[in-house]
Amino acid sequence: MIMPMHELLQRAEQFRQDDPDPDTQAELDALLARASDGRDAQAVAELRDRFAVRLSFGTAGLRGLLGAGDNRMNQRVVAQTTAALCAELAVQVPNARQRGLCVAYDGRHKSRVFADEVEAVAAGAGFVVRAFEEPVPTPLLAFSVLATGAAAGVMITASHNPAAYNGYKVFWQDGAQLNTPHDSAIAQRIERGPGARELPRTSRAEARAHGTWHSLAAMPQRYLAELQLRLHIPCNAQPPRVAYSAMHGVGEPMARAALELAGVDDLASVAEQALPNPDFPTVRFPNPEEPGALDRLLKLARDTRADLSLANDPDADRLAAAVPGLDGEPRALTGNELGALLCDYLLAQPSAAAATTKRCVVTTIVTSPFAEHIARARGAHVEITLTGFKWIIAKALELERQGMLLALGFEEALGYCVGDLVRDKDGIAAAAHVAQMARWHAADGRSLQRALDDLYVRHGLWKSRQVSIALSDQQAAQQVQRQLTALRRKPPSQIAGLTVSSMQDLLYGPNPTGLPASDVFIFQLEGGQRITVRPSGTEPKLKLYLDCTRQVASLADLPSAHAKLEALLDRFEHALRGMLVPQP
C-alpha cells in the first residue's frame, strides 16, 4: 500500500523537528521545498524512499545511504537505535550497564560522528563505554566484546558498500552478531521510544571524569597475542612473498602485523589503497568480489612476482586471495575455492583438543558443497545455515554447547571465521592462516593452485557461479514473483535438459533442513548439480547460485572438465533467465 502524501510530509516534519544534525536538517528542508506541492515527481519519489519505511536490521545490521530520513543513516537514526539497544540490553543482559558497551568505527564518511553519538547516548543511559580512538577493523570490535566481557558492541561501518553508505552493526554479549529475537525487540523499542533530542547524553570528557569511559587502545595487541596462540607452528618452508591491498579501508596496520606473525617478511602493499579514504577513489565498488576491484593488487603481484595476493574489504572482515595459475599469471580464487583450501588445511592440522573433541565446519545454503565433502572426508561434523554470518555463528555456538570445536565457518562471499578468536568473519586472522597454509603446502612442494587441483582429483571438480539479476522496475519484480509462485505450484521436471531430482521450498514447502523459513528454492539435479534461487526482499533483484560438479580421474583431466562445467553453468544460467526473468 502506497503511503499518502500527507503522511509522508508528517513523517518528514517529525524527523526534522527531532534531528540533532543541522546538516541533515538543511538537506531535508531543500527536499521538502521541492516535494511539498507534489508536482516534482522525482522529489516526491525521493521523499517516499526516505520515509515510507524505516531502516531495519538485515543480515549485517543497519545499512543504508547517508542522509536525512528514517530510511537513511544519520545521527537521529543512530541515536534512537542506540537508546533502544541500551534499553533491550538492560532487560536481557545481567549487569549490562556495568559490563558496558564497546564502540568502534571505520574510515567512512560520518563514521566518527556516529560513533561519538553512540558513546554519548549509551553513557547518558548509564552504560560504561569502552571505545576505540581511531578507525579499526570490524573484527577488533567483535574481539573486544569477548575480551572485556561487555554486554554488547557497536561497529559503525558499511563494510564493502559504496562511499555513499554507512551502517550500524551490533554484536551481542556472546561476541556474535545481533540475531532474533533481539533485533525485532530493538526495532519495536525504536518505534515507541523517545525522540533523539529527548535522549540524555554524556560526553566522553564527562564519562572519563566519572570513571565510566575506557579506551580500547590495548585491544590490537591483545588480539594479535591471541591470534599467535592459534596459528599453527611454522614449518621450515620459506614464507610466501605477499602482495596486499586494504582497499582504501582500515585493514593495513593489523593485516601487516598478523602476516608478520605468520612468518611473512616480504610484503608489498598497493600504496594508493593503503590508507583509509571514504571516497574509495581507485575502485568503482570497494568489494573484492566485484570485477576490477583487484586490478591494482594483481598488477602489484605481477610486478613483485608474489606467491600470494591478499585483499581485505574496507572494514577488513572479508578476505580475497589470488595465486599464480599454471601460466604464472595471478588468478583470484573464489570464496568457495579459498574456503575449500582452508577447510582441508585446518582439519589436517593436529590438535590436542581435537583428539577427544569432534571438530565442525559451518557453511551456508548458497556455499558450494565442495567444502562439505572435504570436511566429511576429514572426519568433521558439517552444518548448513541460511545466508549470513549471524546464522553461521549461531549454529557454531550451538555446536560448541554440544561439545564440538569450530574449525571453520565460512560463506562464498569471502567471509571466514577460523576457530573461536572472533565470533564473526575476520579478514585479518584469515589472512594469517592463509599465509600459513601457503607455507604448509610449500613444504611439500605444492603451490596453492596445485593443492586446489589435488582436492579436485580427490573430491571431484566443483565450479560455482553467482548470477545477480537486477530487475528493471517494480513491475518486473512482481512478474518474477508470479513466476516463483508458479514454480511452487508446479516445480519443473527438468532444467537445461537435466532431470530435477528434488526441490526444497524453504518458505512454504516441506523443509527437511530444519532451517528457518526463507524465500529460497533449492533444486537438486542429476549428477549432483544444484541450483539455488533467492529473490531479494529489499530491492528488485534476483540471485541465482549455480553449483556444478564432475568427477576427474587425474590432473590431466582437469582442463577438459573445467570446460564442460563452464558450458553447463552457461546452460543453467540461460535456462533460468528464460524461466524466471521477464523478456523485453
Protein backbone atom coordinates (compact mmCIF):
# COMPACT_ATOMS: atom_id res chain seq x y z
CA MET A 1 0.00 0.00 0.00
CA ILE A 2 1.40 3.41 -1.03
CA MET A 3 1.71 5.88 1.84
CA PRO A 4 -0.39 9.04 1.29
CA MET A 5 1.46 12.28 0.65
CA HIS A 6 0.18 13.98 3.79
CA GLU A 7 1.57 11.13 5.92
CA LEU A 8 4.96 11.35 4.19
CA LEU A 9 5.10 15.07 4.90
CA GLN A 10 4.07 14.45 8.51
CA ARG A 11 6.87 11.92 8.99
CA ALA A 12 9.37 14.23 7.33
CA GLU A 13 8.40 17.15 9.59
CA GLN A 14 8.60 14.91 12.66
CA PHE A 15 12.10 13.86 11.60
CA ARG A 16 13.16 17.46 11.00
CA GLN A 17 11.96 18.64 14.41
CA ASP A 18 13.80 15.80 16.15
CA ASP A 19 17.00 15.79 14.06
CA PRO A 20 20.10 16.71 16.13
CA ASP A 21 22.22 17.30 12.98
CA PRO A 22 21.84 20.70 11.23
CA ASP A 23 23.37 19.28 8.04
CA THR A 24 20.62 16.73 7.51
CA GLN A 25 18.00 19.29 8.63
CA ALA A 26 19.12 21.58 5.79
CA GLU A 27 19.18 18.66 3.35
CA LEU A 28 15.60 17.78 4.26
CA ASP A 29 14.46 21.40 4.01
CA ALA A 30 15.71 21.53 0.43
CA LEU A 31 13.92 18.29 -0.45
CA LEU A 32 10.64 19.40 1.17
CA ALA A 33 10.74 22.66 -0.76
CA ARG A 34 10.74 20.64 -3.98
CA ALA A 35 8.29 17.93 -2.93
CA SER A 36 5.67 19.60 -0.73
CA ASP A 37 3.29 20.65 -3.53
CA GLY A 38 3.51 17.20 -5.16
CA ARG A 39 4.40 18.49 -8.64
CA ASP A 40 8.06 17.44 -8.64
CA ALA A 41 7.69 13.67 -9.20
CA GLN A 42 11.38 12.97 -8.63
CA ALA A 43 11.38 14.81 -5.29
CA VAL A 44 8.20 13.00 -4.20
CA ALA A 45 9.74 9.64 -5.10
CA GLU A 46 12.87 10.51 -3.10
CA LEU A 47 10.76 11.62 -0.14
CA ARG A 48 8.86 8.34 -0.31
CA ASP A 49 12.10 6.36 -0.39
CA ARG A 50 13.37 8.20 2.68
CA PHE A 51 10.22 7.99 4.83
CA ALA A 52 7.84 5.23 3.68
CA VAL A 53 9.84 2.65 5.64
CA ARG A 54 12.38 2.72 8.44
CA LEU A 55 15.92 1.38 8.05
CA SER A 56 15.79 -2.10 9.56
CA PHE A 57 18.19 -4.76 10.80
CA GLY A 58 19.22 -7.11 8.00
CA THR A 59 21.75 -9.92 7.82
CA ALA A 60 24.53 -7.50 8.88
CA GLY A 61 22.83 -4.85 11.00
CA LEU A 62 21.56 -1.48 9.76
CA ARG A 63 23.00 -0.32 6.47
CA GLY A 64 21.87 2.48 4.18
CA LEU A 65 22.61 5.63 2.25
CA LEU A 66 23.79 8.61 4.26
CA GLY A 67 21.25 11.41 4.52
CA ALA A 68 18.08 12.70 6.14
CA GLY A 69 15.21 10.30 6.63
CA ASP A 70 14.03 7.26 8.56
CA ASN A 71 15.36 5.05 5.75
CA ARG A 72 18.83 6.63 5.81
CA MET A 73 21.90 6.55 8.03
CA ASN A 74 22.05 9.73 10.11
CA GLN A 75 22.51 10.92 13.70
CA ARG A 76 18.82 10.63 14.56
CA VAL A 77 18.65 7.00 13.44
CA VAL A 78 21.91 6.25 15.28
CA ALA A 79 20.72 7.93 18.49
CA GLN A 80 17.32 6.20 18.53
CA THR A 81 18.86 2.81 17.71
CA THR A 82 21.44 3.19 20.48
CA ALA A 83 18.79 4.13 23.03
CA ALA A 84 16.67 1.12 22.02
CA LEU A 85 19.70 -1.17 22.13
CA CYS A 86 20.62 0.01 25.63
CA ALA A 87 17.05 -0.46 26.83
CA GLU A 88 16.98 -4.01 25.47
CA LEU A 89 20.39 -4.81 26.98
CA ALA A 90 19.28 -3.52 30.39
CA VAL A 91 16.42 -6.06 30.36
CA GLN A 92 18.12 -9.02 28.67
CA VAL A 93 21.75 -8.97 29.83
CA PRO A 94 22.72 -9.26 33.53
CA ASN A 95 24.65 -6.22 34.81
CA ALA A 96 24.51 -4.71 31.32
CA ARG A 97 25.24 -1.14 32.40
CA GLN A 98 28.29 -2.12 34.43
CA ARG A 99 29.60 -4.50 31.74
CA GLY A 100 29.17 -1.72 29.27
CA LEU A 101 29.13 -1.14 25.53
CA CYS A 102 32.17 -1.38 23.22
CA VAL A 103 32.18 1.16 20.37
CA ALA A 104 34.29 1.32 17.19
CA TYR A 105 34.17 2.89 13.75
CA ASP A 106 35.79 2.56 10.33
CA GLY A 107 37.10 5.20 7.92
CA ARG A 108 33.84 6.09 6.15
CA HIS A 109 32.09 9.43 5.91
CA LYS A 110 30.39 10.27 9.23
CA SER A 111 31.72 7.14 10.98
CA ARG A 112 33.46 9.08 13.75
CA VAL A 113 30.42 11.36 14.18
CA PHE A 114 28.09 8.38 14.52
CA ALA A 115 30.44 6.59 16.94
CA ASP A 116 30.54 9.72 19.13
CA GLU A 117 26.73 9.74 19.12
CA VAL A 118 26.64 6.08 20.19
CA GLU A 119 29.03 6.83 23.04
CA ALA A 120 27.10 9.88 24.23
CA VAL A 121 23.68 8.20 24.19
CA ALA A 122 24.95 4.98 25.81
CA ALA A 123 26.76 6.93 28.54
CA GLY A 124 23.63 9.04 29.01
CA ALA A 125 21.69 5.80 29.58
CA GLY A 126 24.07 4.90 32.41
CA PHE A 127 26.29 2.47 30.47
CA VAL A 128 30.03 2.15 30.88
CA VAL A 129 31.57 2.89 27.48
CA ARG A 130 34.73 1.29 26.10
CA ALA A 131 35.80 2.84 22.82
CA PHE A 132 38.50 2.88 20.18
CA GLU A 133 40.00 6.30 19.50
CA GLU A 134 40.87 5.71 15.84
CA PRO A 135 39.37 3.72 12.95
CA VAL A 136 39.79 -0.05 13.34
CA PRO A 137 38.71 -3.26 11.53
CA THR A 138 35.34 -4.73 12.47
CA PRO A 139 36.95 -7.95 13.84
CA LEU A 140 38.67 -5.89 16.55
CA LEU A 141 35.32 -4.66 17.81
CA ALA A 142 33.91 -8.20 17.81
CA PHE A 143 37.03 -9.39 19.68
CA SER A 144 36.78 -6.59 22.25
CA VAL A 145 33.24 -7.61 23.26
CA LEU A 146 34.52 -11.04 24.29
CA ALA A 147 37.82 -9.77 25.71
CA THR A 148 36.19 -7.23 28.03
CA GLY A 149 33.05 -9.20 28.89
CA ALA A 150 30.92 -6.34 27.56
CA ALA A 151 27.16 -6.53 27.28
CA ALA A 152 27.38 -5.70 23.58
CA GLY A 153 29.34 -3.79 20.95
CA VAL A 154 28.52 -1.36 18.15
CA MET A 155 30.60 -1.02 15.00
CA ILE A 156 29.91 1.91 12.68
CA THR A 157 30.62 0.51 9.21
CA ALA A 158 29.02 -0.28 5.87
CA SER A 159 31.68 -2.90 5.15
CA HIS A 160 32.13 -3.13 1.36
CA ASN A 161 29.25 -0.89 0.26
CA PRO A 162 29.91 2.20 -1.91
CA ALA A 163 31.05 5.52 -0.46
CA ALA A 164 27.54 6.95 -0.06
CA TYR A 165 26.65 4.30 2.55
CA ASN A 166 27.24 3.75 6.24
CA GLY A 167 25.90 1.30 8.78
CA TYR A 168 25.42 0.21 12.39
CA LYS A 169 26.46 -3.32 13.29
CA VAL A 170 25.64 -4.81 16.70
CA PHE A 171 27.46 -7.65 18.48
CA TRP A 172 25.72 -9.29 21.45
CA GLN A 173 27.37 -10.34 24.73
CA ASP A 174 28.48 -13.65 23.19
CA GLY A 175 30.50 -11.77 20.56
CA ALA A 176 28.14 -12.79 17.75
CA GLN A 177 26.08 -10.52 15.53
CA LEU A 178 22.68 -9.39 16.75
CA ASN A 179 20.09 -12.04 15.94
CA THR A 180 16.48 -12.94 16.63
CA PRO A 181 14.59 -12.16 18.81
CA HIS A 182 16.64 -9.17 19.96
CA ASP A 183 16.68 -7.47 16.54
CA SER A 184 12.88 -7.29 16.34
CA ALA A 185 12.64 -6.27 20.01
CA ILE A 186 15.01 -3.35 19.40
CA ALA A 187 13.00 -2.33 16.33
CA GLN A 188 9.85 -2.22 18.45
CA ARG A 189 11.61 -0.13 21.09
CA ILE A 190 12.69 2.36 18.40
CA GLU A 191 9.09 2.77 17.23
CA ARG A 192 7.74 3.52 20.71
CA GLY A 193 10.84 5.18 22.15
CA PRO A 194 11.57 8.86 22.78
CA GLY A 195 12.81 11.24 20.14
CA ALA A 196 16.52 11.72 19.57
CA ARG A 197 16.55 15.24 21.05
CA GLU A 198 14.94 13.98 24.25
CA LEU A 199 17.67 11.46 24.98
CA PRO A 200 20.12 12.25 27.77
CA ARG A 201 23.71 12.41 26.57
CA THR A 202 27.01 12.28 28.45
CA SER A 203 30.15 13.49 26.71
CA ARG A 204 33.35 11.48 26.61
CA ALA A 205 35.05 14.04 28.87
CA GLU A 206 32.26 13.77 31.47
CA ALA A 207 32.23 9.96 31.34
CA ARG A 208 36.01 9.82 31.64
CA ALA A 209 35.87 12.11 34.68
CA HIS A 210 33.30 9.79 36.27
CA GLY A 211 35.37 6.69 35.50
CA THR A 212 32.78 5.26 33.11
CA TRP A 213 34.71 5.71 29.85
CA HIS A 214 37.67 3.45 28.99
CA SER A 215 39.97 3.29 26.00
CA LEU A 216 40.28 0.14 23.91
CA ALA A 217 43.70 1.16 22.63
CA ALA A 218 45.27 -2.02 24.05
CA MET A 219 42.92 -4.32 22.09
CA PRO A 220 45.04 -4.65 18.90
CA GLN A 221 47.95 -6.12 20.84
CA ARG A 222 45.65 -8.43 22.83
CA TYR A 223 44.07 -9.60 19.59
CA LEU A 224 47.45 -10.29 17.99
CA ALA A 225 48.64 -12.19 21.07
CA GLU A 226 45.55 -14.41 20.93
CA LEU A 227 45.94 -14.89 17.20
CA GLN A 228 49.55 -16.01 17.63
CA LEU A 229 48.42 -18.72 20.05
CA ARG A 230 46.03 -20.05 17.40
CA LEU A 231 48.41 -20.07 14.45
CA HIS A 232 49.88 -23.46 13.76
CA ILE A 233 53.60 -23.99 14.42
CA PRO A 234 55.50 -22.61 11.41
CA CYS A 235 57.09 -25.18 9.15
CA ASN A 236 60.53 -24.91 7.62
CA ALA A 237 59.30 -23.79 4.22
CA GLN A 238 60.07 -20.30 3.01
CA PRO A 239 57.15 -17.95 3.77
CA PRO A 240 55.31 -16.65 0.72
CA ARG A 241 56.07 -13.34 -0.93
CA VAL A 242 52.82 -11.42 -0.39
CA ALA A 243 51.08 -8.58 -2.20
CA TYR A 244 48.35 -6.86 -0.18
CA SER A 245 45.59 -4.27 -0.53
CA ALA A 246 43.50 -2.63 2.18
CA MET A 247 41.02 -1.40 -0.49
CA HIS A 248 41.12 2.17 0.94
CA GLY A 249 40.00 0.75 4.28
CA VAL A 250 41.33 0.25 7.80
CA GLY A 251 43.00 -3.16 7.44
CA GLU A 252 46.62 -2.34 6.57
CA PRO A 253 48.24 -1.99 10.06
CA MET A 254 46.57 -5.08 11.54
CA ALA A 255 47.00 -7.17 8.40
CA ARG A 256 50.72 -6.41 8.30
CA ALA A 257 51.09 -7.33 11.97
CA ALA A 258 49.09 -10.55 11.58
CA LEU A 259 51.01 -11.63 8.48
CA GLU A 260 54.27 -10.99 10.31
CA LEU A 261 53.08 -13.43 13.00
CA ALA A 262 52.59 -15.96 10.19
CA GLY A 263 56.22 -15.51 9.17
CA VAL A 264 55.70 -13.20 6.20
CA ASP A 265 58.77 -10.99 5.88
CA ASP A 266 58.33 -9.88 2.26
CA LEU A 267 55.14 -7.88 1.84
CA ALA A 268 54.32 -5.21 -0.72
CA SER A 269 51.09 -3.26 -0.47
CA VAL A 270 49.14 -1.23 -3.00
CA ALA A 271 50.30 2.20 -1.81
CA GLU A 272 47.38 4.21 -3.19
CA GLN A 273 44.90 1.90 -1.39
CA ALA A 274 46.78 1.57 1.92
CA LEU A 275 45.22 4.44 3.90
CA PRO A 276 41.55 4.92 4.73
CA ASN A 277 39.79 7.06 2.13
CA PRO A 278 35.98 7.26 2.41
CA ASP A 279 35.63 8.10 -1.30
CA PHE A 280 37.35 4.88 -2.48
CA PRO A 281 38.85 6.74 -5.46
CA THR A 282 40.60 3.86 -7.25
CA VAL A 283 37.74 1.32 -7.23
CA ARG A 284 34.25 1.59 -8.68
CA PHE A 285 32.87 -0.60 -5.88
CA PRO A 286 35.03 -1.37 -2.79
CA ASN A 287 34.13 -5.06 -2.72
CA PRO A 288 36.93 -7.54 -3.55
CA GLU A 289 34.36 -9.74 -5.29
CA GLU A 290 33.48 -7.05 -7.84
CA PRO A 291 35.07 -7.13 -11.32
CA GLY A 292 38.03 -4.79 -11.46
CA ALA A 293 38.35 -4.30 -7.69
CA LEU A 294 41.56 -6.36 -7.51
CA ASP A 295 43.18 -4.94 -10.66
CA ARG A 296 45.83 -2.90 -8.84
CA LEU A 297 46.61 -5.75 -6.47
CA LEU A 298 47.07 -8.19 -9.36
CA LYS A 299 49.36 -5.72 -11.13
CA LEU A 300 51.45 -5.43 -7.96
CA ALA A 301 51.53 -9.23 -7.74
CA ARG A 302 52.92 -9.42 -11.29
CA ASP A 303 55.48 -6.69 -10.63
CA THR A 304 56.72 -8.29 -7.40
CA ARG A 305 56.26 -11.92 -8.53
CA ALA A 306 54.17 -12.53 -5.42
CA ASP A 307 53.39 -16.09 -4.36
CA LEU A 308 50.18 -14.94 -2.69
CA SER A 309 47.99 -11.86 -3.07
CA LEU A 310 45.56 -10.82 -0.32
CA ALA A 311 42.96 -8.08 -0.07
CA ASN A 312 40.62 -7.01 2.70
CA ASP A 313 37.42 -5.10 2.16
CA PRO A 314 37.26 -1.61 3.75
CA ASP A 315 36.40 -2.82 7.28
CA ALA A 316 38.66 -5.90 6.95
CA ASP A 317 36.11 -8.54 7.87
CA ARG A 318 36.39 -10.20 4.44
CA LEU A 319 39.40 -11.62 2.63
CA ALA A 320 40.12 -12.17 -1.04
CA ALA A 321 43.13 -14.13 -2.28
CA ALA A 322 44.85 -14.65 -5.61
CA VAL A 323 47.56 -17.16 -6.53
CA PRO A 324 49.71 -17.75 -9.61
CA GLY A 325 47.91 -20.02 -12.05
CA LEU A 326 49.54 -22.68 -14.18
CA ASP A 327 50.60 -19.94 -16.61
CA GLY A 328 52.17 -17.90 -13.83
CA GLU A 329 49.55 -15.15 -14.03
CA PRO A 330 47.85 -14.26 -10.71
CA ARG A 331 44.31 -15.63 -10.55
CA ALA A 332 41.74 -14.60 -7.97
CA LEU A 333 40.36 -17.53 -6.03
CA THR A 334 36.62 -17.62 -5.49
CA GLY A 335 35.30 -17.61 -1.96
CA ASN A 336 34.32 -21.25 -2.41
CA GLU A 337 37.83 -22.21 -3.56
CA LEU A 338 39.62 -20.43 -0.72
CA GLY A 339 37.11 -21.86 1.77
CA ALA A 340 37.73 -25.38 0.49
CA LEU A 341 41.50 -24.94 0.80
CA LEU A 342 41.20 -23.57 4.33
CA CYS A 343 38.81 -26.34 5.32
CA ASP A 344 41.22 -29.07 4.20
CA TYR A 345 44.25 -27.32 5.71
CA LEU A 346 42.73 -26.58 9.12
CA LEU A 347 41.28 -30.06 9.53
CA ALA A 348 44.62 -31.61 8.56
CA GLN A 349 46.44 -29.84 11.41
CA PRO A 350 46.96 -31.78 14.65
CA SER A 351 45.02 -30.51 17.63
CA ALA A 352 45.28 -31.75 21.21
CA ALA A 353 41.64 -30.85 21.81
CA ALA A 354 40.53 -32.48 18.55
CA ALA A 355 41.88 -35.79 19.77
CA THR A 356 38.93 -36.00 22.15
CA THR A 357 36.53 -33.42 20.70
CA LYS A 358 34.90 -33.51 17.29
CA ARG A 359 35.62 -30.55 15.05
CA CYS A 360 32.89 -28.90 13.00
CA VAL A 361 32.55 -26.80 9.85
CA VAL A 362 29.59 -24.47 9.25
CA THR A 363 28.66 -23.11 5.81
CA THR A 364 25.51 -21.76 4.14
CA ILE A 365 22.87 -22.93 1.71
CA VAL A 366 24.45 -20.87 -1.10
CA THR A 367 28.02 -22.01 -0.43
CA SER A 368 29.42 -24.74 -2.69
CA PRO A 369 29.08 -28.34 -1.37
CA PHE A 370 32.79 -28.79 -2.19
CA ALA A 371 33.98 -27.90 1.32
CA GLU A 372 31.26 -30.08 2.84
CA HIS A 373 32.69 -33.12 1.03
CA ILE A 374 36.22 -32.23 2.17
CA ALA A 375 35.16 -31.73 5.79
CA ARG A 376 33.29 -35.02 6.00
CA ALA A 377 36.27 -36.84 4.46
CA ARG A 378 38.44 -35.32 7.22
CA GLY A 379 36.02 -36.60 9.87
CA ALA A 380 34.44 -33.26 10.77
CA HIS A 381 30.81 -32.59 11.55
CA VAL A 382 29.14 -30.26 8.99
CA GLU A 383 26.15 -27.94 9.38
CA ILE A 384 24.46 -25.74 6.77
CA THR A 385 22.70 -22.46 7.66
CA LEU A 386 20.89 -19.60 5.99
CA THR A 387 22.98 -16.92 4.31
CA GLY A 388 24.84 -14.56 6.67
CA PHE A 389 27.32 -14.85 9.50
CA LYS A 390 24.73 -14.24 12.18
CA TRP A 391 23.34 -17.66 11.25
CA ILE A 392 26.76 -19.31 10.86
CA ILE A 393 27.93 -18.24 14.31
CA ALA A 394 24.61 -19.02 15.97
CA LYS A 395 24.94 -22.59 14.71
CA ALA A 396 28.64 -22.75 15.71
CA LEU A 397 27.77 -21.68 19.27
CA GLU A 398 25.03 -24.30 19.40
CA LEU A 399 27.51 -26.99 18.32
CA GLU A 400 30.05 -25.82 20.89
CA ARG A 401 27.43 -26.20 23.60
CA GLN A 402 27.18 -29.81 22.40
CA GLY A 403 30.93 -30.21 22.96
CA MET A 404 32.28 -29.61 19.44
CA LEU A 405 35.04 -27.27 18.29
CA LEU A 406 34.59 -24.88 15.37
CA ALA A 407 37.35 -25.37 12.82
CA LEU A 408 35.90 -23.07 10.17
CA GLY A 409 32.77 -21.11 9.45
CA PHE A 410 32.57 -19.57 6.01
CA GLU A 411 30.39 -18.38 3.16
CA GLU A 412 31.11 -17.93 -0.52
CA ALA A 413 31.08 -14.11 -0.20
CA LEU A 414 34.70 -14.09 1.10
CA GLY A 415 33.80 -14.44 4.78
CA TYR A 416 35.87 -16.76 7.02
CA CYS A 417 35.87 -17.42 10.75
CA VAL A 418 38.72 -19.65 11.92
CA GLY A 419 38.20 -21.10 15.40
CA ASP A 420 37.00 -19.04 18.34
CA LEU A 421 39.15 -15.89 18.23
CA VAL A 422 36.28 -13.79 16.86
CA ARG A 423 32.60 -14.71 16.61
CA ASP A 424 32.24 -13.28 13.14
CA LYS A 425 34.00 -13.25 9.79
CA ASP A 426 37.55 -11.99 10.25
CA GLY A 427 39.68 -10.98 7.28
CA ILE A 428 42.74 -10.27 9.44
CA ALA A 429 43.02 -13.67 11.11
CA ALA A 430 42.05 -15.37 7.85
CA ALA A 431 44.95 -13.65 6.08
CA ALA A 432 47.42 -15.03 8.63
CA HIS A 433 46.00 -18.55 8.33
CA VAL A 434 46.11 -18.41 4.52
CA ALA A 435 49.77 -17.37 4.65
CA GLN A 436 50.50 -20.28 6.99
CA MET A 437 48.56 -22.58 4.68
CA ALA A 438 50.71 -21.49 1.74
CA ARG A 439 53.87 -22.32 3.75
CA TRP A 440 52.45 -25.70 4.76
CA HIS A 441 51.81 -26.69 1.16
CA ALA A 442 55.15 -25.26 0.03
CA ALA A 443 56.92 -27.57 2.47
CA ASP A 444 55.64 -30.46 0.32
CA GLY A 445 56.45 -28.67 -2.92
CA ARG A 446 52.89 -27.63 -3.71
CA SER A 447 51.57 -24.24 -4.71
CA LEU A 448 48.08 -23.32 -3.56
CA GLN A 449 46.82 -23.82 -7.13
CA ARG A 450 48.29 -27.33 -7.17
CA ALA A 451 46.78 -28.01 -3.73
CA LEU A 452 43.37 -26.98 -5.05
CA ASP A 453 43.74 -29.18 -8.12
CA ASP A 454 44.68 -32.13 -5.90
CA LEU A 455 41.46 -31.57 -3.92
CA TYR A 456 39.50 -31.66 -7.18
CA VAL A 457 41.01 -35.03 -8.06
CA ARG A 458 40.18 -36.40 -4.60
CA HIS A 459 36.70 -34.95 -4.17
CA GLY A 460 35.52 -34.07 -7.67
CA LEU A 461 35.74 -30.82 -9.58
CA TRP A 462 33.26 -28.21 -8.37
CA LYS A 463 32.54 -24.95 -10.17
CA SER A 464 30.13 -22.31 -8.96
CA ARG A 465 28.59 -19.17 -10.38
CA GLN A 466 26.56 -16.45 -8.71
CA VAL A 467 24.20 -14.56 -11.02
CA SER A 468 22.68 -11.34 -9.71
CA ILE A 469 19.86 -10.12 -11.94
CA ALA A 470 18.80 -6.52 -11.39
CA LEU A 471 15.16 -6.17 -12.41
CA SER A 472 14.25 -3.01 -14.30
CA ASP A 473 11.36 -1.86 -12.11
CA GLN A 474 8.77 -2.92 -9.57
CA GLN A 475 6.57 -4.34 -12.32
CA ALA A 476 9.38 -6.68 -13.41
CA ALA A 477 9.90 -7.71 -9.78
CA GLN A 478 6.21 -8.56 -9.47
CA GLN A 479 6.37 -10.64 -12.65
CA VAL A 480 9.31 -12.59 -11.19
CA GLN A 481 7.32 -13.20 -8.01
CA ARG A 482 4.49 -14.60 -10.13
CA GLN A 483 6.96 -16.92 -11.85
CA LEU A 484 8.26 -18.08 -8.47
CA THR A 485 4.70 -18.72 -7.28
CA ALA A 486 4.14 -20.82 -10.39
CA LEU A 487 7.32 -22.78 -9.58
CA ARG A 488 5.95 -23.54 -6.13
CA ARG A 489 2.74 -24.88 -7.60
CA LYS A 490 4.39 -26.92 -10.33
CA PRO A 491 8.16 -27.49 -10.00
CA PRO A 492 9.95 -28.24 -13.29
CA SER A 493 10.88 -31.83 -14.01
CA GLN A 494 13.94 -30.71 -16.00
CA ILE A 495 16.23 -27.70 -16.16
CA ALA A 496 18.56 -27.28 -19.15
CA GLY A 497 17.89 -30.90 -20.09
CA LEU A 498 18.86 -32.37 -16.71
CA THR A 499 16.35 -34.15 -14.50
CA VAL A 500 15.34 -32.38 -11.28
CA SER A 501 15.59 -34.99 -8.55
CA SER A 502 14.15 -32.77 -5.79
CA MET A 503 13.12 -29.22 -4.96
CA GLN A 504 13.16 -27.68 -1.49
CA ASP A 505 11.00 -24.62 -0.92
CA LEU A 506 12.25 -23.12 2.34
CA LEU A 507 9.30 -20.72 2.57
CA TYR A 508 6.20 -22.92 2.17
CA GLY A 509 7.22 -26.43 1.22
CA PRO A 510 8.38 -29.35 3.35
CA ASN A 511 11.63 -28.27 4.95
CA PRO A 512 13.79 -31.25 5.98
CA THR A 513 16.75 -28.89 6.54
CA GLY A 514 15.26 -27.55 9.77
CA LEU A 515 16.24 -24.02 8.74
CA PRO A 516 14.06 -21.00 9.49
CA ALA A 517 11.56 -20.13 6.77
CA SER A 518 13.19 -18.16 3.98
CA ASP A 519 12.22 -17.27 0.40
CA VAL A 520 14.68 -19.71 -1.16
CA PHE A 521 14.36 -22.57 -3.66
CA ILE A 522 16.96 -25.33 -3.85
CA PHE A 523 16.89 -27.65 -6.88
CA GLN A 524 18.91 -30.86 -6.82
CA LEU A 525 19.59 -32.23 -10.29
CA GLU A 526 21.03 -35.42 -11.71
CA GLY A 527 24.76 -35.85 -11.36
CA GLY A 528 24.94 -33.85 -8.11
CA GLN A 529 24.26 -30.44 -9.72
CA ARG A 530 22.49 -27.82 -7.62
CA ILE A 531 20.63 -24.58 -8.29
CA THR A 532 19.60 -22.14 -5.55
CA VAL A 533 17.21 -19.27 -6.28
CA ARG A 534 16.91 -16.40 -3.81
CA PRO A 535 14.89 -13.26 -4.58
CA SER A 536 15.92 -10.15 -2.71
CA GLY A 537 13.48 -8.92 -0.11
CA THR A 538 14.70 -5.30 -0.19
CA GLU A 539 15.29 -4.44 -3.85
CA PRO A 540 14.19 -5.63 -7.30
CA LYS A 541 16.88 -8.24 -7.71
CA LEU A 542 17.02 -11.99 -8.20
CA LYS A 543 20.04 -14.08 -7.16
CA LEU A 544 20.94 -17.44 -8.65
CA TYR A 545 23.62 -19.71 -7.18
CA LEU A 546 24.74 -22.44 -9.55
CA ASP A 547 26.92 -25.32 -8.33
CA CYS A 548 28.12 -27.95 -10.79
CA THR A 549 30.35 -30.96 -10.26
CA ARG A 550 32.13 -33.66 -12.24
CA GLN A 551 34.45 -36.46 -11.22
CA VAL A 552 38.02 -36.35 -12.57
CA ALA A 553 40.49 -39.24 -12.61
CA SER A 554 43.71 -37.23 -12.74
CA LEU A 555 45.19 -33.77 -13.02
CA ALA A 556 45.38 -34.23 -16.78
CA ASP A 557 41.57 -34.45 -16.91
CA LEU A 558 41.02 -31.06 -15.25
CA PRO A 559 41.17 -28.71 -18.29
CA SER A 560 38.53 -30.67 -20.15
CA ALA A 561 36.37 -31.00 -17.03
CA HIS A 562 36.58 -27.24 -16.35
CA ALA A 563 35.41 -26.50 -19.89
CA LYS A 564 32.47 -28.92 -19.64
CA LEU A 565 31.30 -27.46 -16.33
CA GLU A 566 31.59 -23.90 -17.65
CA ALA A 567 29.35 -24.92 -20.53
CA LEU A 568 26.88 -26.48 -18.08
CA LEU A 569 26.85 -23.31 -15.98
CA ASP A 570 26.09 -21.32 -19.14
CA ARG A 571 23.19 -23.66 -19.92
CA PHE A 572 21.76 -23.34 -16.43
CA GLU A 573 22.01 -19.55 -16.45
CA HIS A 574 20.37 -19.28 -19.87
CA ALA A 575 17.56 -21.67 -18.90
CA LEU A 576 16.83 -19.92 -15.60
CA ARG A 577 16.77 -16.48 -17.14
CA GLY A 578 14.23 -17.78 -19.62
CA MET A 579 12.13 -19.38 -16.89
CA LEU A 580 12.18 -16.56 -14.34
CA VAL A 581 13.03 -13.20 -15.86
CA PRO A 582 10.51 -11.19 -17.90
CA GLN A 583 11.64 -10.82 -21.50
CA PRO A 584 11.62 -7.31 -23.03
